[in-house]
Amino acid sequence: MQLAFFTRIKETCSAKSNRSFISWLINEISFFNDATSFLSDSISFFTEAISDFKEFTSFLTIPSEGSIEINSIYKYSVSESSIILNLII
């Protein structure tokens, strides 16, 4: 819609310098719209990823040493500074 509006303005201008300026302006506005759309999508993606991570870790309490089983599928072995995830078969 915005692009159509600026295209009509561009068509009504008769001077060559005005047309080139309006072409440049349309390109800049289009680039800005694309950039803000990309930024919005990126923020949504990271917000969703953080939410999923918080949901996953909300029920998980890992002891300082020993091991813990979750749903009898994954076993987390914890030692001093490393966490090892083993699939229980």
C-alpha atoms as a PDB file:
ATOM      1  CA  MET A   1       0.000   0.000   0.000  1.00  0.00           C
ATOM      2  CA  GLN A   2       2.763   2.442   0.926  1.00  0.00           C
ATOM      3  CA  LEU A   3       4.715   1.457  -2.157  1.00  0.00           C
ATOM      4  CA  ALA A   4       1.700   2.112  -4.384  1.00  0.00           C
ATOM      5  CA  PHE A   5       1.281   5.553  -2.815  1.00  0.00           C
ATOM      6  CA  PHE A   6       4.904   6.475  -3.476  1.00  0.00           C
ATOM      7  CA  THR A   7       4.732   5.012  -6.968  1.00  0.00           C
ATOM      8  CA  ARG A   8       1.836   7.345  -7.779  1.00  0.00           C
ATOM      9  CA  ILE A   9       3.816  10.305  -6.453  1.00  0.00           C
ATOM     10  CA  LYS A  10       6.758   9.225  -8.567  1.00  0.00           C
ATOM     11  CA  GLU A  11       4.602   9.062 -11.699  1.00  0.00           C
ATOM     12  CA  THR A  12       3.156  12.527 -11.143  1.00  0.00           C
ATOM     13  CA  CYS A  13       6.549  14.213 -10.806  1.00  0.00           C
ATOM     14  CA  SER A  14       7.816  15.524 -14.116  1.00  0.00           C
ATOM     15  CA  ALA A  15      11.325  16.698 -13.220  1.00  0.00           C
ATOM     16  CA  LYS A  16      14.056  14.097 -13.654  1.00  0.00           C
ATOM     17  CA  SER A  17      15.783  14.996 -10.378  1.00  0.00           C
ATOM     18  CA  ASN A  18      12.519  14.643  -8.464  1.00  0.00           C
ATOM     19  CA  ARG A  19      11.917  11.238 -10.020  1.00  0.00           C
ATOM     20  CA  SER A  20      15.363   9.968  -9.103  1.00  0.00           C
ATOM     21  CA  PHE A  21      14.981  11.279  -5.559  1.00  0.00           C
ATOM     22  CA  ILE A  22      11.590   9.616  -5.190  1.00  0.00           C
ATOM     23  CA  SER A  23      12.993   6.359  -6.597  1.00  0.00           C
ATOM     24  CA  TRP A  24      15.764   6.515  -4.029  1.00  0.00           C
ATOM     25  CA  LEU A  25      13.227   7.282  -1.276  1.00  0.00           C
ATOM     26  CA  ILE A  26      11.014   4.348  -2.298  1.00  0.00           C
ATOM     27  CA  ASN A  27      14.017   2.010  -2.249  1.00  0.00           C
ATOM     28  CA  GLU A  28      15.063   3.241   1.195  1.00  0.00           C
ATOM     29  CA  ILE A  29      11.559   2.824   2.622  1.00  0.00           C
ATOM     30  CA  SER A  30      11.302  -0.657   1.128  1.00  0.00           C
ATOM     31  CA  PHE A  31      14.681  -1.609   2.629  1.00  0.00           C
ATOM     32  CA  PHE A  32      13.641  -0.201   6.017  1.00  0.00           C
ATOM     33  CA  ASN A  33      10.380  -2.183   5.939  1.00  0.00           C
ATOM     34  CA  ASP A  34      12.280  -5.382   5.104  1.00  0.00           C
ATOM     35  CA  ALA A  35      14.815  -4.724   7.869  1.00  0.00           C
ATOM     36  CA  THR A  36      12.156  -4.077  10.512  1.00  0.00           C
ATOM     37  CA  SER A  37      10.260  -7.191   9.431  1.00  0.00           C
ATOM     38  CA  PHE A  38      13.439  -9.285   9.747  1.00  0.00           C
ATOM     39  CA  LEU A  39      14.184  -7.765  13.158  1.00  0.00           C
ATOM     40  CA  SER A  40      10.653  -8.478  14.356  1.00  0.00           C
ATOM     41  CA  ASP A  41      10.883 -12.105  13.174  1.00  0.00           C
ATOM     42  CA  SER A  42      14.267 -12.513  14.888  1.00  0.00           C
ATOM     43  CA  ILE A  43      12.964 -11.125  18.178  1.00  0.00           C
ATOM     44  CA  SER A  44       9.960 -13.459  18.015  1.00  0.00           C
ATOM     45  CA  PHE A  45      12.222 -16.450  17.321  1.00  0.00           C
ATOM     46  CA  PHE A  46      14.562 -15.695  20.238  1.00  0.00           C
ATOM     47  CA  THR A  47      11.661 -14.961  22.598  1.00  0.00           C
ATOM     48  CA  GLU A  48      10.102 -18.310  21.710  1.00  0.00           C
ATOM     49  CA  ALA A  49      13.444 -20.117  22.100  1.00  0.00           C
ATOM     50  CA  ILE A  50      14.003 -18.587  25.544  1.00  0.00           C
ATOM     51  CA  SER A  51      10.464 -19.493  26.579  1.00  0.00           C
ATOM     52  CA  ASP A  52      10.963 -23.097  25.427  1.00  0.00           C
ATOM     53  CA  PHE A  53      14.281 -23.310  27.281  1.00  0.00           C
ATOM     54  CA  LYS A  54      12.724 -21.948  30.484  1.00  0.00           C
ATOM     55  CA  GLU A  55       9.879 -24.443  30.168  1.00  0.00           C
ATOM     56  CA  PHE A  56      12.345 -27.321  29.692  1.00  0.00           C
ATOM     57  CA  THR A  57      14.540 -26.349  32.633  1.00  0.00           C
ATOM     58  CA  SER A  58      11.711 -25.394  35.005  1.00  0.00           C
ATOM     59  CA  PHE A  59      11.218 -28.973  36.230  1.00  0.00           C
ATOM     60  CA  LEU A  60      14.877 -29.990  36.085  1.00  0.00           C
ATOM     61  CA  THR A  61      16.992 -29.798  39.214  1.00  0.00           C
ATOM     62  CA  ILE A  62      20.460 -31.244  38.763  1.00  0.00           C
ATOM     63  CA  PRO A  63      22.323 -32.171  41.945  1.00  0.00           C
ATOM     64  CA  SER A  64      25.940 -31.136  42.412  1.00  0.00           C
ATOM     65  CA  GLU A  65      27.012 -34.787  42.150  1.00  0.00           C
ATOM     66  CA  GLY A  66      25.295 -38.059  41.328  1.00  0.00           C
ATOM     67  CA  SER A  67      22.724 -38.694  38.625  1.00  0.00           C
ATOM     68  CA  ILE A  68      19.093 -37.961  37.887  1.00  0.00           C
ATOM     69  CA  GLU A  69      16.619 -39.684  35.558  1.00  0.00           C
ATOM     70  CA  ILE A  70      13.870 -37.870  33.689  1.00  0.00           C
ATOM     71  CA  ASN A  71      10.913 -39.912  32.416  1.00  0.00           C
ATOM     72  CA  SER A  72      13.186 -43.001  32.402  1.00  0.00           C
ATOM     73  CA  ILE A  73      14.524 -41.963  29.001  1.00  0.00           C
ATOM     74  CA  TYR A  74      17.404 -39.625  29.737  1.00  0.00           C
ATOM     75  CA  LYS A  75      19.947 -39.946  32.494  1.00  0.00           C
ATOM     76  CA  TYR A  76      21.971 -36.913  33.494  1.00  0.00           C
ATOM     77  CA  SER A  77      25.269 -37.830  35.084  1.00  0.00           C
ATOM     78  CA  VAL A  78      26.738 -34.941  37.032  1.00  0.00           C
ATOM     79  CA  SER A  79      30.310 -34.647  38.183  1.00  0.00           C
ATOM     80  CA  GLU A  80      32.284 -31.635  39.406  1.00  0.00           C
ATOM     81  CA  SER A  81      31.992 -29.424  36.336  1.00  0.00           C
ATOM     82  CA  SER A  82      30.543 -31.533  33.528  1.00  0.00           C
ATOM     83  CA  ILE A  83      27.067 -32.741  32.676  1.00  0.00           C
ATOM     84  CA  ILE A  84      26.809 -35.849  30.487  1.00  0.00           C
ATOM     85  CA  LEU A  85      23.527 -36.819  28.833  1.00  0.00           C
ATOM     86  CA  ASN A  86      23.165 -40.554  28.195  1.00  0.00           C
ATOM     87  CA  LEU A  87      20.261 -42.208  26.429  1.00  0.00           C
ATOM     88  CA  ILE A  88      19.070 -45.158  28.485  1.00  0.00           C
ATOM     89  CA  ILE A  89      18.422 -48.153  26.237  1.00  0.00           C
END
